[in-house]
Amino acid sequence: MKKFLIAFVFLGCFMASCTQKNNDLPDDSIYHLTSKWENQHGDFIQLDDLKGDVVVMVMIYTNCRTACPRLTADMRDIHQLVGNKNNKNIKYVLVSIDPESDTPEKMNEYLNMYKFTGDEWLFLRSTDANTRELANVLAVKYKEISPIDFSHSNIISVFSKNGHLAYQKEGLNIDIEGTASQIKKQFN
């Protein structure tokens, strides 16, 4: 009987911790997505592994020769305006819309090319279904127009520490200061 009670208490504590994990999040948190993502190091994460960090996210692909280099430059400019003060509590996340071509090696090479070498930089890929699901959450539209090219929205999203969408900028080389300002507000 004593062993049964100990097992029951342990099970109750375990269930409470699992339930509490999701109860702390707003209903619209991206951390409710359970998809797995591979980063530039070949490690797998879930989006809720980023919980507690402010997340700045953009969807691109490494073979893009038009908008993606500009979106990447926008991420660099935003990072520079935000500064390094909160680097331990912020993640700049690039998400591939071409997960078949964007291997961890290519993603790592891309980050190095832009000198995005700090721990605050992540490049993620997942399955087509998971990528579409995240794109829908971000209101990012994309379509393959040839075997090596995609047409896509140009949106950078800012998420609060609990995964709530706090801000979005749409367009290229615009609203860099406004986006940086919104990121800084997440730390107040």
C-alpha atoms as a PDB file:
ATOM      1  CA  MET A   1       0.000   0.000   0.000  1.00  0.00           C
ATOM      2  CA  LYS A   2       2.872   2.404   0.846  1.00  0.00           C
ATOM      3  CA  LYS A   3       4.499   1.783  -2.572  1.00  0.00           C
ATOM      4  CA  PHE A   4       1.159   2.422  -4.255  1.00  0.00           C
ATOM      5  CA  LEU A   5       0.801   5.778  -2.461  1.00  0.00           C
ATOM      6  CA  ILE A   6       4.355   6.836  -3.371  1.00  0.00           C
ATOM      7  CA  ALA A   7       3.754   5.909  -7.027  1.00  0.00           C
ATOM      8  CA  PHE A   8       0.430   7.766  -6.993  1.00  0.00           C
ATOM      9  CA  VAL A   9       2.030  10.924  -5.540  1.00  0.00           C
ATOM     10  CA  PHE A  10       4.886  10.733  -8.070  1.00  0.00           C
ATOM     11  CA  LEU A  11       2.428  10.324 -10.952  1.00  0.00           C
ATOM     12  CA  GLY A  12       0.374  13.260  -9.666  1.00  0.00           C
ATOM     13  CA  CYS A  13       3.436  15.514  -9.473  1.00  0.00           C
ATOM     14  CA  PHE A  14       4.524  14.456 -12.971  1.00  0.00           C
ATOM     15  CA  MET A  15       1.074  15.178 -14.431  1.00  0.00           C
ATOM     16  CA  ALA A  16       0.942  18.548 -12.666  1.00  0.00           C
ATOM     17  CA  SER A  17       4.310  19.570 -14.104  1.00  0.00           C
ATOM     18  CA  CYS A  18       3.211  18.550 -17.626  1.00  0.00           C
ATOM     19  CA  THR A  19      -0.040  20.473 -17.332  1.00  0.00           C
ATOM     20  CA  GLN A  20       1.694  23.510 -15.841  1.00  0.00           C
ATOM     21  CA  LYS A  21       4.101  23.628 -18.801  1.00  0.00           C
ATOM     22  CA  ASN A  22       1.273  24.574 -21.189  1.00  0.00           C
ATOM     23  CA  ASN A  23      -0.891  26.523 -18.733  1.00  0.00           C
ATOM     24  CA  ASP A  24       1.778  29.203 -18.407  1.00  0.00           C
ATOM     25  CA  LEU A  25       1.514  30.108 -22.081  1.00  0.00           C
ATOM     26  CA  PRO A  26      -1.019  32.357 -23.814  1.00  0.00           C
ATOM     27  CA  ASP A  27      -3.392  30.520 -26.162  1.00  0.00           C
ATOM     28  CA  ASP A  28      -1.699  32.061 -29.199  1.00  0.00           C
ATOM     29  CA  SER A  29       1.849  31.099 -28.203  1.00  0.00           C
ATOM     30  CA  ILE A  30       3.972  29.491 -30.924  1.00  0.00           C
ATOM     31  CA  TYR A  31       5.265  27.206 -28.192  1.00  0.00           C
ATOM     32  CA  HIS A  32       2.060  25.190 -28.455  1.00  0.00           C
ATOM     33  CA  LEU A  33       3.403  23.887 -31.787  1.00  0.00           C
ATOM     34  CA  THR A  34       4.937  20.486 -31.104  1.00  0.00           C
ATOM     35  CA  SER A  35       6.966  20.164 -34.292  1.00  0.00           C
ATOM     36  CA  LYS A  36      10.657  19.274 -34.201  1.00  0.00           C
ATOM     37  CA  TRP A  37      13.266  21.379 -35.936  1.00  0.00           C
ATOM     38  CA  GLU A  38      16.864  20.655 -36.930  1.00  0.00           C
ATOM     39  CA  ASN A  39      19.360  23.457 -36.409  1.00  0.00           C
ATOM     40  CA  GLN A  40      22.595  24.348 -38.186  1.00  0.00           C
ATOM     41  CA  HIS A  41      24.511  21.932 -35.925  1.00  0.00           C
ATOM     42  CA  GLY A  42      22.269  18.974 -36.780  1.00  0.00           C
ATOM     43  CA  ASP A  43      20.623  19.059 -33.338  1.00  0.00           C
ATOM     44  CA  PHE A  44      16.848  18.756 -32.989  1.00  0.00           C
ATOM     45  CA  ILE A  45      14.788  21.188 -30.924  1.00  0.00           C
ATOM     46  CA  GLN A  46      11.162  22.078 -30.379  1.00  0.00           C
ATOM     47  CA  LEU A  47      10.089  25.685 -30.521  1.00  0.00           C
ATOM     48  CA  ASP A  48       9.261  25.654 -26.814  1.00  0.00           C
ATOM     49  CA  ASP A  49      12.977  25.139 -26.169  1.00  0.00           C
ATOM     50  CA  LEU A  50      13.177  28.878 -26.982  1.00  0.00           C
ATOM     51  CA  LYS A  51      10.690  29.759 -24.226  1.00  0.00           C
ATOM     52  CA  GLY A  52      12.080  32.500 -22.004  1.00  0.00           C
ATOM     53  CA  ASP A  53      13.899  34.204 -24.883  1.00  0.00           C
ATOM     54  CA  VAL A  54      12.633  37.007 -27.084  1.00  0.00           C
ATOM     55  CA  VAL A  55      12.560  35.492 -30.585  1.00  0.00           C
ATOM     56  CA  VAL A  56      13.056  37.385 -33.833  1.00  0.00           C
ATOM     57  CA  MET A  57      12.099  35.115 -36.730  1.00  0.00           C
ATOM     58  CA  VAL A  58      12.274  35.234 -40.522  1.00  0.00           C
ATOM     59  CA  MET A  59      11.550  32.594 -43.161  1.00  0.00           C
ATOM     60  CA  ILE A  60      14.091  32.399 -46.001  1.00  0.00           C
ATOM     61  CA  TYR A  61      16.067  29.882 -48.094  1.00  0.00           C
ATOM     62  CA  THR A  62      19.796  29.826 -48.767  1.00  0.00           C
ATOM     63  CA  ASN A  63      19.617  29.620 -52.597  1.00  0.00           C
ATOM     64  CA  CYS A  64      17.539  32.805 -52.807  1.00  0.00           C
ATOM     65  CA  ARG A  65      19.265  35.586 -54.737  1.00  0.00           C
ATOM     66  CA  THR A  66      16.621  38.288 -54.424  1.00  0.00           C
ATOM     67  CA  ALA A  67      14.688  39.028 -51.211  1.00  0.00           C
ATOM     68  CA  CYS A  68      16.401  36.652 -48.738  1.00  0.00           C
ATOM     69  CA  PRO A  69      19.800  38.404 -48.744  1.00  0.00           C
ATOM     70  CA  ARG A  70      17.935  41.671 -48.003  1.00  0.00           C
ATOM     71  CA  LEU A  71      15.862  40.027 -45.231  1.00  0.00           C
ATOM     72  CA  THR A  72      19.089  38.617 -43.782  1.00  0.00           C
ATOM     73  CA  ALA A  73      20.656  42.077 -43.912  1.00  0.00           C
ATOM     74  CA  ASP A  74      17.566  43.418 -42.130  1.00  0.00           C
ATOM     75  CA  MET A  75      18.092  40.825 -39.372  1.00  0.00           C
ATOM     76  CA  ARG A  76      21.746  41.933 -39.094  1.00  0.00           C
ATOM     77  CA  ASP A  77      20.730  45.616 -38.926  1.00  0.00           C
ATOM     78  CA  ILE A  78      18.071  44.872 -36.285  1.00  0.00           C
ATOM     79  CA  HIS A  79      20.637  42.905 -34.257  1.00  0.00           C
ATOM     80  CA  GLN A  80      23.047  45.837 -34.418  1.00  0.00           C
ATOM     81  CA  LEU A  81      20.391  48.313 -33.249  1.00  0.00           C
ATOM     82  CA  VAL A  82      19.279  46.049 -30.398  1.00  0.00           C
ATOM     83  CA  GLY A  83      22.905  45.579 -29.360  1.00  0.00           C
ATOM     84  CA  ASN A  84      24.562  42.757 -27.462  1.00  0.00           C
ATOM     85  CA  LYS A  85      23.245  43.622 -23.999  1.00  0.00           C
ATOM     86  CA  ASN A  86      20.488  40.975 -24.030  1.00  0.00           C
ATOM     87  CA  ASN A  87      22.112  38.372 -26.287  1.00  0.00           C
ATOM     88  CA  LYS A  88      21.648  35.653 -23.652  1.00  0.00           C
ATOM     89  CA  ASN A  89      17.870  36.223 -23.719  1.00  0.00           C
ATOM     90  CA  ILE A  90      17.224  36.723 -27.413  1.00  0.00           C
ATOM     91  CA  LYS A  91      17.280  34.404 -30.406  1.00  0.00           C
ATOM     92  CA  TYR A  92      17.487  35.496 -34.010  1.00  0.00           C
ATOM     93  CA  VAL A  93      15.948  32.578 -35.898  1.00  0.00           C
ATOM     94  CA  LEU A  94      16.111  31.968 -39.634  1.00  0.00           C
ATOM     95  CA  VAL A  95      13.675  29.262 -40.785  1.00  0.00           C
ATOM     96  CA  SER A  96      14.170  27.525 -44.123  1.00  0.00           C
ATOM     97  CA  ILE A  97      11.273  27.342 -46.551  1.00  0.00           C
ATOM     98  CA  ASP A  98      13.407  24.910 -48.601  1.00  0.00           C
ATOM     99  CA  PRO A  99      14.210  22.223 -46.011  1.00  0.00           C
ATOM    100  CA  GLU A 100      15.212  19.677 -48.645  1.00  0.00           C
ATOM    101  CA  SER A 101      18.066  21.846 -49.961  1.00  0.00           C
ATOM    102  CA  ASP A 102      18.981  23.650 -46.750  1.00  0.00           C
ATOM    103  CA  THR A 103      20.990  20.994 -44.951  1.00  0.00           C
ATOM    104  CA  PRO A 104      22.634  21.755 -41.598  1.00  0.00           C
ATOM    105  CA  GLU A 105      25.914  22.269 -43.480  1.00  0.00           C
ATOM    106  CA  LYS A 106      24.332  24.826 -45.847  1.00  0.00           C
ATOM    107  CA  MET A 107      22.561  26.577 -42.985  1.00  0.00           C
ATOM    108  CA  ASN A 108      25.806  26.792 -41.001  1.00  0.00           C
ATOM    109  CA  GLU A 109      27.684  28.045 -44.058  1.00  0.00           C
ATOM    110  CA  TYR A 110      25.000  30.700 -44.604  1.00  0.00           C
ATOM    111  CA  LEU A 111      25.231  31.916 -41.002  1.00  0.00           C
ATOM    112  CA  ASN A 112      29.019  32.067 -41.219  1.00  0.00           C
ATOM    113  CA  MET A 113      28.860  33.988 -44.502  1.00  0.00           C
ATOM    114  CA  TYR A 114      26.888  36.709 -42.684  1.00  0.00           C
ATOM    115  CA  LYS A 115      29.097  36.415 -39.577  1.00  0.00           C
ATOM    116  CA  PHE A 116      26.106  35.275 -37.481  1.00  0.00           C
ATOM    117  CA  THR A 117      28.298  33.163 -35.241  1.00  0.00           C
ATOM    118  CA  GLY A 118      27.004  33.934 -31.730  1.00  0.00           C
ATOM    119  CA  ASP A 119      24.744  31.619 -29.749  1.00  0.00           C
ATOM    120  CA  GLU A 120      21.865  34.025 -30.380  1.00  0.00           C
ATOM    121  CA  TRP A 121      21.688  32.910 -34.036  1.00  0.00           C
ATOM    122  CA  LEU A 122      19.750  29.822 -35.128  1.00  0.00           C
ATOM    123  CA  PHE A 123      18.895  28.450 -38.539  1.00  0.00           C
ATOM    124  CA  LEU A 124      16.129  25.824 -38.485  1.00  0.00           C
ATOM    125  CA  ARG A 125      14.552  23.393 -40.900  1.00  0.00           C
ATOM    126  CA  SER A 126      11.832  20.804 -40.545  1.00  0.00           C
ATOM    127  CA  THR A 127       9.440  18.821 -42.700  1.00  0.00           C
ATOM    128  CA  ASP A 128       7.352  20.506 -45.371  1.00  0.00           C
ATOM    129  CA  ALA A 129       4.239  20.053 -43.217  1.00  0.00           C
ATOM    130  CA  ASN A 130       5.847  21.624 -40.144  1.00  0.00           C
ATOM    131  CA  THR A 131       7.239  24.478 -42.242  1.00  0.00           C
ATOM    132  CA  ARG A 132       3.777  25.156 -43.706  1.00  0.00           C
ATOM    133  CA  GLU A 133       2.225  25.072 -40.243  1.00  0.00           C
ATOM    134  CA  LEU A 134       4.694  27.638 -38.900  1.00  0.00           C
ATOM    135  CA  ALA A 135       4.326  29.789 -42.035  1.00  0.00           C
ATOM    136  CA  ASN A 136       0.564  29.854 -41.486  1.00  0.00           C
ATOM    137  CA  VAL A 137       1.060  31.001 -37.889  1.00  0.00           C
ATOM    138  CA  LEU A 138       3.391  33.769 -39.109  1.00  0.00           C
ATOM    139  CA  ALA A 139       1.085  34.697 -42.043  1.00  0.00           C
ATOM    140  CA  VAL A 140       4.021  33.994 -44.361  1.00  0.00           C
ATOM    141  CA  LYS A 141       2.987  32.822 -47.813  1.00  0.00           C
ATOM    142  CA  TYR A 142       5.418  30.936 -50.026  1.00  0.00           C
ATOM    143  CA  LYS A 143       5.251  28.913 -53.197  1.00  0.00           C
ATOM    144  CA  GLU A 144       7.837  26.947 -55.139  1.00  0.00           C
ATOM    145  CA  ILE A 145       8.062  28.525 -58.595  1.00  0.00           C
ATOM    146  CA  SER A 146      10.923  26.381 -59.942  1.00  0.00           C
ATOM    147  CA  PRO A 147      13.079  23.566 -58.535  1.00  0.00           C
ATOM    148  CA  ILE A 148      15.424  26.183 -57.028  1.00  0.00           C
ATOM    149  CA  ASP A 149      13.218  29.232 -56.493  1.00  0.00           C
ATOM    150  CA  PHE A 150      10.383  30.257 -54.200  1.00  0.00           C
ATOM    151  CA  SER A 151       8.092  33.242 -54.156  1.00  0.00           C
ATOM    152  CA  HIS A 152       7.518  34.316 -50.541  1.00  0.00           C
ATOM    153  CA  SER A 153       6.377  37.006 -48.127  1.00  0.00           C
ATOM    154  CA  ASN A 154       8.994  39.269 -46.566  1.00  0.00           C
ATOM    155  CA  ILE A 155       8.034  39.288 -42.898  1.00  0.00           C
ATOM    156  CA  ILE A 156      10.135  39.492 -39.752  1.00  0.00           C
ATOM    157  CA  SER A 157       8.262  38.532 -36.568  1.00  0.00           C
ATOM    158  CA  VAL A 158       9.047  39.344 -32.944  1.00  0.00           C
ATOM    159  CA  PHE A 159       7.807  37.008 -30.201  1.00  0.00           C
ATOM    160  CA  SER A 160       7.623  37.712 -26.496  1.00  0.00           C
ATOM    161  CA  LYS A 161       9.361  35.430 -24.003  1.00  0.00           C
ATOM    162  CA  ASN A 162       6.211  33.288 -23.779  1.00  0.00           C
ATOM    163  CA  GLY A 163       5.802  32.958 -27.553  1.00  0.00           C
ATOM    164  CA  HIS A 164       3.113  35.582 -28.110  1.00  0.00           C
ATOM    165  CA  LEU A 165       3.447  37.406 -31.443  1.00  0.00           C
ATOM    166  CA  ALA A 166       4.408  40.909 -30.326  1.00  0.00           C
ATOM    167  CA  TYR A 167       5.230  42.595 -33.627  1.00  0.00           C
ATOM    168  CA  GLN A 168       5.689  42.033 -37.355  1.00  0.00           C
ATOM    169  CA  LYS A 169       7.346  44.087 -40.036  1.00  0.00           C
ATOM    170  CA  GLU A 170       6.543  43.427 -43.659  1.00  0.00           C
ATOM    171  CA  GLY A 171       8.744  44.580 -46.500  1.00  0.00           C
ATOM    172  CA  LEU A 172      12.427  44.923 -47.264  1.00  0.00           C
ATOM    173  CA  ASN A 173      14.751  47.466 -45.685  1.00  0.00           C
ATOM    174  CA  ILE A 174      11.956  49.257 -43.866  1.00  0.00           C
ATOM    175  CA  ASP A 175      10.999  49.711 -40.215  1.00  0.00           C
ATOM    176  CA  ILE A 176      14.349  48.459 -38.894  1.00  0.00           C
ATOM    177  CA  GLU A 177      14.367  50.965 -36.012  1.00  0.00           C
ATOM    178  CA  GLY A 178      10.707  50.270 -35.180  1.00  0.00           C
ATOM    179  CA  THR A 179      11.383  46.536 -35.041  1.00  0.00           C
ATOM    180  CA  ALA A 180      14.444  47.021 -32.833  1.00  0.00           C
ATOM    181  CA  SER A 181      12.357  49.247 -30.560  1.00  0.00           C
ATOM    182  CA  GLN A 182       9.675  46.541 -30.248  1.00  0.00           C
ATOM    183  CA  ILE A 183      12.346  43.976 -29.346  1.00  0.00           C
ATOM    184  CA  LYS A 184      13.739  46.240 -26.617  1.00  0.00           C
ATOM    185  CA  LYS A 185      10.210  46.675 -25.202  1.00  0.00           C
ATOM    186  CA  GLN A 186      10.077  42.921 -24.585  1.00  0.00           C
ATOM    187  CA  PHE A 187      12.825  43.329 -21.968  1.00  0.00           C
ATOM    188  CA  ASN A 188      10.999  46.044 -19.981  1.00  0.00           C
END
